[in-house]
Amino acid sequence: MMRLARFAPLTLLFAAALGAGQARAGASLRSEAQLQLALRSNPPCCVIDGRPEAQRKARALPEALVYRKGLKINPIATVVVVADSDARALAIARTLASAHPGKTVFAVEGGVVAWQSVERSIAAAAPGGRALEFVIPKNTCEQGTPLQQLRSEPK
């Protein structure tokens, strides 16, 4: 009993540290390779474009939301931030992460060129283009007596 009491504070500290890491995902700067690995199984819910207007027009990200102060999003999955510099992308990512505690926000290291490379590699690796997973409806692959038979003539 004495030994257990001695290790209890250490165990609680370890559990708290482990839980704290999961509770607040936060913002981080990620390279192309890191993004490819992270987003293969969990595609982002939204891409935030933090570049100036001239850069957005020169090289558009069609599905991205333009960042502005006070931007309201509902991050149901990972948020990806693209900007003209790594520092700006990380600053925007930290702002979004603080507004949405517990959500994962990635800042793209390398800007729009790196992000478009990540998008291409994920789309090329996924069956059926951008779809990263799919569901086969029930009873479509079962063998045996069919549930229904379609006929062109009346019974």
C-alpha atoms as a PDB file:
ATOM      1  CA  MET A   1       0.000   0.000   0.000  1.00  0.00           C
ATOM      2  CA  MET A   2       2.870   2.363   0.831  1.00  0.00           C
ATOM      3  CA  ARG A   3       4.483   1.763  -2.602  1.00  0.00           C
ATOM      4  CA  LEU A   4       1.237   2.537  -4.401  1.00  0.00           C
ATOM      5  CA  ALA A   5       0.829   5.825  -2.523  1.00  0.00           C
ATOM      6  CA  ARG A   6       4.376   6.813  -3.454  1.00  0.00           C
ATOM      7  CA  PHE A   7       3.710   6.404  -7.200  1.00  0.00           C
ATOM      8  CA  ALA A   8       0.217   7.958  -7.222  1.00  0.00           C
ATOM      9  CA  PRO A   9       1.420  11.581  -7.738  1.00  0.00           C
ATOM     10  CA  LEU A  10       3.711  10.488 -10.583  1.00  0.00           C
ATOM     11  CA  THR A  11       0.889   8.520 -12.216  1.00  0.00           C
ATOM     12  CA  LEU A  12      -1.505  11.463 -11.928  1.00  0.00           C
ATOM     13  CA  LEU A  13       1.064  13.833 -13.403  1.00  0.00           C
ATOM     14  CA  PHE A  14       1.663  11.497 -16.347  1.00  0.00           C
ATOM     15  CA  ALA A  15      -2.087  11.064 -16.965  1.00  0.00           C
ATOM     16  CA  ALA A  16      -2.643  14.823 -16.803  1.00  0.00           C
ATOM     17  CA  ALA A  17       0.166  15.475 -19.286  1.00  0.00           C
ATOM     18  CA  LEU A  18      -1.193  12.836 -21.665  1.00  0.00           C
ATOM     19  CA  GLY A  19      -4.741  14.207 -21.433  1.00  0.00           C
ATOM     20  CA  ALA A  20      -3.628  17.811 -21.857  1.00  0.00           C
ATOM     21  CA  GLY A  21      -1.940  16.960 -25.144  1.00  0.00           C
ATOM     22  CA  GLN A  22      -5.140  15.455 -26.453  1.00  0.00           C
ATOM     23  CA  ALA A  23      -7.429  18.164 -25.107  1.00  0.00           C
ATOM     24  CA  ARG A  24      -5.705  21.023 -26.877  1.00  0.00           C
ATOM     25  CA  ALA A  25      -4.504  20.102 -30.316  1.00  0.00           C
ATOM     26  CA  GLY A  26      -3.346  23.633 -31.177  1.00  0.00           C
ATOM     27  CA  ALA A  27      -1.461  24.985 -34.154  1.00  0.00           C
ATOM     28  CA  SER A  28       1.750  23.753 -35.736  1.00  0.00           C
ATOM     29  CA  LEU A  29       3.869  24.400 -38.817  1.00  0.00           C
ATOM     30  CA  ARG A  30       4.013  21.304 -41.053  1.00  0.00           C
ATOM     31  CA  SER A  31       6.182  20.430 -44.044  1.00  0.00           C
ATOM     32  CA  GLU A  32       4.843  18.794 -47.220  1.00  0.00           C
ATOM     33  CA  ALA A  33       5.767  15.293 -46.026  1.00  0.00           C
ATOM     34  CA  GLN A  34       4.207  15.845 -42.596  1.00  0.00           C
ATOM     35  CA  LEU A  35       1.003  17.183 -44.144  1.00  0.00           C
ATOM     36  CA  GLN A  36       0.765  14.281 -46.573  1.00  0.00           C
ATOM     37  CA  LEU A  37       0.976  11.790 -43.719  1.00  0.00           C
ATOM     38  CA  ALA A  38      -1.391  13.679 -41.442  1.00  0.00           C
ATOM     39  CA  LEU A  39      -4.070  14.324 -44.071  1.00  0.00           C
ATOM     40  CA  ARG A  40      -4.183  10.915 -45.765  1.00  0.00           C
ATOM     41  CA  SER A  41      -6.512   9.488 -43.137  1.00  0.00           C
ATOM     42  CA  ASN A  42      -8.138  12.754 -42.016  1.00  0.00           C
ATOM     43  CA  PRO A  43      -8.760  15.237 -44.829  1.00  0.00           C
ATOM     44  CA  PRO A  44      -9.076  18.886 -43.804  1.00  0.00           C
ATOM     45  CA  CYS A  45     -12.485  20.435 -43.291  1.00  0.00           C
ATOM     46  CA  CYS A  46     -11.290  23.743 -44.684  1.00  0.00           C
ATOM     47  CA  VAL A  47      -8.291  25.541 -46.134  1.00  0.00           C
ATOM     48  CA  ILE A  48      -7.729  29.122 -45.041  1.00  0.00           C
ATOM     49  CA  ASP A  49      -5.908  31.408 -47.485  1.00  0.00           C
ATOM     50  CA  GLY A  50      -4.008  34.103 -45.600  1.00  0.00           C
ATOM     51  CA  ARG A  51      -2.194  35.577 -48.617  1.00  0.00           C
ATOM     52  CA  PRO A  52      -2.602  39.127 -49.875  1.00  0.00           C
ATOM     53  CA  GLU A  53      -5.236  39.691 -52.588  1.00  0.00           C
ATOM     54  CA  ALA A  54      -2.705  40.037 -55.428  1.00  0.00           C
ATOM     55  CA  GLN A  55      -1.169  36.648 -54.607  1.00  0.00           C
ATOM     56  CA  ARG A  56      -4.601  35.040 -54.292  1.00  0.00           C
ATOM     57  CA  LYS A  57      -5.531  36.300 -57.770  1.00  0.00           C
ATOM     58  CA  ALA A  58      -2.210  35.203 -59.301  1.00  0.00           C
ATOM     59  CA  ARG A  59      -2.451  31.655 -57.925  1.00  0.00           C
ATOM     60  CA  ALA A  60      -5.946  30.907 -56.710  1.00  0.00           C
ATOM     61  CA  LEU A  61      -6.952  28.182 -54.271  1.00  0.00           C
ATOM     62  CA  PRO A  62     -10.528  27.592 -55.465  1.00  0.00           C
ATOM     63  CA  GLU A  63     -11.922  25.879 -52.342  1.00  0.00           C
ATOM     64  CA  ALA A  64     -10.097  28.036 -49.778  1.00  0.00           C
ATOM     65  CA  LEU A  65     -11.692  30.570 -47.449  1.00  0.00           C
ATOM     66  CA  VAL A  66     -10.030  33.974 -47.437  1.00  0.00           C
ATOM     67  CA  TYR A  67      -8.700  34.836 -43.984  1.00  0.00           C
ATOM     68  CA  ARG A  68      -9.878  38.050 -42.381  1.00  0.00           C
ATOM     69  CA  LYS A  69      -9.925  39.209 -38.804  1.00  0.00           C
ATOM     70  CA  GLY A  70     -12.923  37.733 -37.012  1.00  0.00           C
ATOM     71  CA  LEU A  71     -13.390  34.888 -39.542  1.00  0.00           C
ATOM     72  CA  LYS A  72     -15.989  32.418 -38.231  1.00  0.00           C
ATOM     73  CA  ILE A  73     -15.542  28.747 -39.093  1.00  0.00           C
ATOM     74  CA  ASN A  74     -16.887  25.479 -37.735  1.00  0.00           C
ATOM     75  CA  PRO A  75     -13.830  23.204 -37.728  1.00  0.00           C
ATOM     76  CA  ILE A  76     -15.202  19.660 -37.808  1.00  0.00           C
ATOM     77  CA  ALA A  77     -11.791  18.324 -38.855  1.00  0.00           C
ATOM     78  CA  THR A  78      -8.254  19.620 -39.371  1.00  0.00           C
ATOM     79  CA  VAL A  79      -7.883  23.211 -40.569  1.00  0.00           C
ATOM     80  CA  VAL A  80      -5.045  24.042 -43.001  1.00  0.00           C
ATOM     81  CA  VAL A  81      -3.658  27.585 -43.279  1.00  0.00           C
ATOM     82  CA  VAL A  82      -1.741  28.775 -46.356  1.00  0.00           C
ATOM     83  CA  ALA A  83      -0.015  32.178 -46.336  1.00  0.00           C
ATOM     84  CA  ASP A  84       2.750  34.107 -48.087  1.00  0.00           C
ATOM     85  CA  SER A  85       5.257  33.278 -45.324  1.00  0.00           C
ATOM     86  CA  ASP A  86       5.627  30.496 -42.777  1.00  0.00           C
ATOM     87  CA  ALA A  87       5.495  33.023 -39.928  1.00  0.00           C
ATOM     88  CA  ARG A  88       2.205  34.507 -41.171  1.00  0.00           C
ATOM     89  CA  ALA A  89       0.681  31.056 -41.693  1.00  0.00           C
ATOM     90  CA  LEU A  90       1.647  30.048 -38.160  1.00  0.00           C
ATOM     91  CA  ALA A  91       0.297  33.308 -36.696  1.00  0.00           C
ATOM     92  CA  ILE A  92      -3.068  32.783 -38.417  1.00  0.00           C
ATOM     93  CA  ALA A  93      -3.087  29.119 -37.352  1.00  0.00           C
ATOM     94  CA  ARG A  94      -2.475  30.102 -33.726  1.00  0.00           C
ATOM     95  CA  THR A  95      -5.297  32.657 -33.884  1.00  0.00           C
ATOM     96  CA  LEU A  96      -7.708  30.021 -35.217  1.00  0.00           C
ATOM     97  CA  ALA A  97      -6.504  27.410 -32.718  1.00  0.00           C
ATOM     98  CA  SER A  98      -7.063  29.773 -29.805  1.00  0.00           C
ATOM     99  CA  ALA A  99     -10.587  30.500 -31.072  1.00  0.00           C
ATOM    100  CA  HIS A 100     -11.271  26.738 -31.352  1.00  0.00           C
ATOM    101  CA  PRO A 101      -9.522  24.924 -28.469  1.00  0.00           C
ATOM    102  CA  GLY A 102      -9.013  21.231 -29.030  1.00  0.00           C
ATOM    103  CA  LYS A 103      -9.052  21.512 -32.833  1.00  0.00           C
ATOM    104  CA  THR A 104      -6.027  20.761 -34.990  1.00  0.00           C
ATOM    105  CA  VAL A 105      -4.778  23.621 -37.161  1.00  0.00           C
ATOM    106  CA  PHE A 106      -1.819  23.137 -39.520  1.00  0.00           C
ATOM    107  CA  ALA A 107       0.166  26.001 -41.024  1.00  0.00           C
ATOM    108  CA  VAL A 108       1.699  24.996 -44.364  1.00  0.00           C
ATOM    109  CA  GLU A 109       5.470  25.360 -44.509  1.00  0.00           C
ATOM    110  CA  GLY A 110       6.348  26.521 -48.020  1.00  0.00           C
ATOM    111  CA  GLY A 111       3.111  28.323 -48.836  1.00  0.00           C
ATOM    112  CA  VAL A 112       0.825  27.743 -51.781  1.00  0.00           C
ATOM    113  CA  VAL A 113       3.369  25.741 -53.817  1.00  0.00           C
ATOM    114  CA  ALA A 114       3.771  23.246 -50.991  1.00  0.00           C
ATOM    115  CA  TRP A 115       0.012  23.028 -50.383  1.00  0.00           C
ATOM    116  CA  GLN A 116      -0.786  22.357 -54.042  1.00  0.00           C
ATOM    117  CA  SER A 117       1.860  19.634 -54.063  1.00  0.00           C
ATOM    118  CA  VAL A 118       0.233  18.046 -50.998  1.00  0.00           C
ATOM    119  CA  GLU A 119      -3.204  18.221 -52.643  1.00  0.00           C
ATOM    120  CA  ARG A 120      -1.892  16.524 -55.800  1.00  0.00           C
ATOM    121  CA  SER A 121      -0.168  13.737 -53.886  1.00  0.00           C
ATOM    122  CA  ILE A 122      -3.232  13.017 -51.736  1.00  0.00           C
ATOM    123  CA  ALA A 123      -5.547  13.008 -54.762  1.00  0.00           C
ATOM    124  CA  ALA A 124      -3.190  10.724 -56.710  1.00  0.00           C
ATOM    125  CA  ALA A 125      -2.906   8.244 -53.843  1.00  0.00           C
ATOM    126  CA  ALA A 126      -6.638   8.044 -53.152  1.00  0.00           C
ATOM    127  CA  PRO A 127      -8.856   5.664 -55.130  1.00  0.00           C
ATOM    128  CA  GLY A 128     -11.412   7.596 -57.140  1.00  0.00           C
ATOM    129  CA  GLY A 129      -9.587  10.942 -57.006  1.00  0.00           C
ATOM    130  CA  ARG A 130     -10.096  13.056 -53.882  1.00  0.00           C
ATOM    131  CA  ALA A 131     -12.255  10.524 -52.037  1.00  0.00           C
ATOM    132  CA  LEU A 132     -10.191   9.185 -49.154  1.00  0.00           C
ATOM    133  CA  GLU A 133     -12.777   6.642 -48.046  1.00  0.00           C
ATOM    134  CA  PHE A 134     -16.040   5.231 -49.264  1.00  0.00           C
ATOM    135  CA  VAL A 135     -18.860   3.037 -48.001  1.00  0.00           C
ATOM    136  CA  ILE A 136     -20.255   0.019 -49.808  1.00  0.00           C
ATOM    137  CA  PRO A 137     -24.013  -0.038 -49.150  1.00  0.00           C
ATOM    138  CA  LYS A 138     -25.409  -3.027 -47.289  1.00  0.00           C
ATOM    139  CA  ASN A 139     -26.373  -6.057 -49.383  1.00  0.00           C
ATOM    140  CA  THR A 140     -24.496  -4.986 -52.514  1.00  0.00           C
ATOM    141  CA  CYS A 141     -21.742  -7.578 -52.213  1.00  0.00           C
ATOM    142  CA  GLU A 142     -23.600 -10.425 -50.550  1.00  0.00           C
ATOM    143  CA  GLN A 143     -23.996 -13.686 -52.402  1.00  0.00           C
ATOM    144  CA  GLY A 144     -27.026 -15.924 -52.408  1.00  0.00           C
ATOM    145  CA  THR A 145     -30.655 -15.134 -53.106  1.00  0.00           C
ATOM    146  CA  PRO A 146     -31.149 -11.493 -54.122  1.00  0.00           C
ATOM    147  CA  LEU A 147     -33.469  -9.272 -52.107  1.00  0.00           C
ATOM    148  CA  GLN A 148     -35.056  -7.890 -55.303  1.00  0.00           C
ATOM    149  CA  GLN A 149     -34.946  -8.685 -58.980  1.00  0.00           C
ATOM    150  CA  LEU A 150     -35.552  -5.916 -61.469  1.00  0.00           C
ATOM    151  CA  ARG A 151     -37.659  -6.863 -64.469  1.00  0.00           C
ATOM    152  CA  SER A 152     -38.658  -4.877 -67.514  1.00  0.00           C
ATOM    153  CA  GLU A 153     -41.847  -6.916 -68.096  1.00  0.00           C
ATOM    154  CA  PRO A 154     -44.823  -7.225 -65.742  1.00  0.00           C
ATOM    155  CA  LYS A 155     -45.172 -10.394 -63.621  1.00  0.00           C
END
